[in-house]
């Protein structure tokens, strides 16, 4: 499979290492006010959420898109940043991570936390 960036390839490596099933660019989400379409990077079916890899998150339009999608569609998008400590704009004191915390989005750097992914408990077999 071809991915659009090294960041996406790194996310795939982590998901495969955690043995997390995923689907790449599965959905096309439509949102308004001016009808637009957004294609999230990864869908995690066992957790019913999306992972969006972001090397850069500088534009207000892009940040607004994610607020509208969550508000209008109720979908859960978690961000994986190349560096969550980058500032959202020149002269801004707000980092990508700060923005996510302010608006209630889960995020990480390349070290995606295992706690994002549901764990199936292994049942014990009956002794005979």
Foldseek 3Di string as FASTA:
>chain_A
DDDDDVQLVLVVVVCVVLVFDKDAQPDWDWFDPPTDTDGAGIARVQLQATEHEEQAQQDPVSVVVVVRCCVPVVGAYEYEYCDQQCCNYVPDPAGNVNSCVVVVHHYYYSCDDPVSGDDDDDDDDDDD
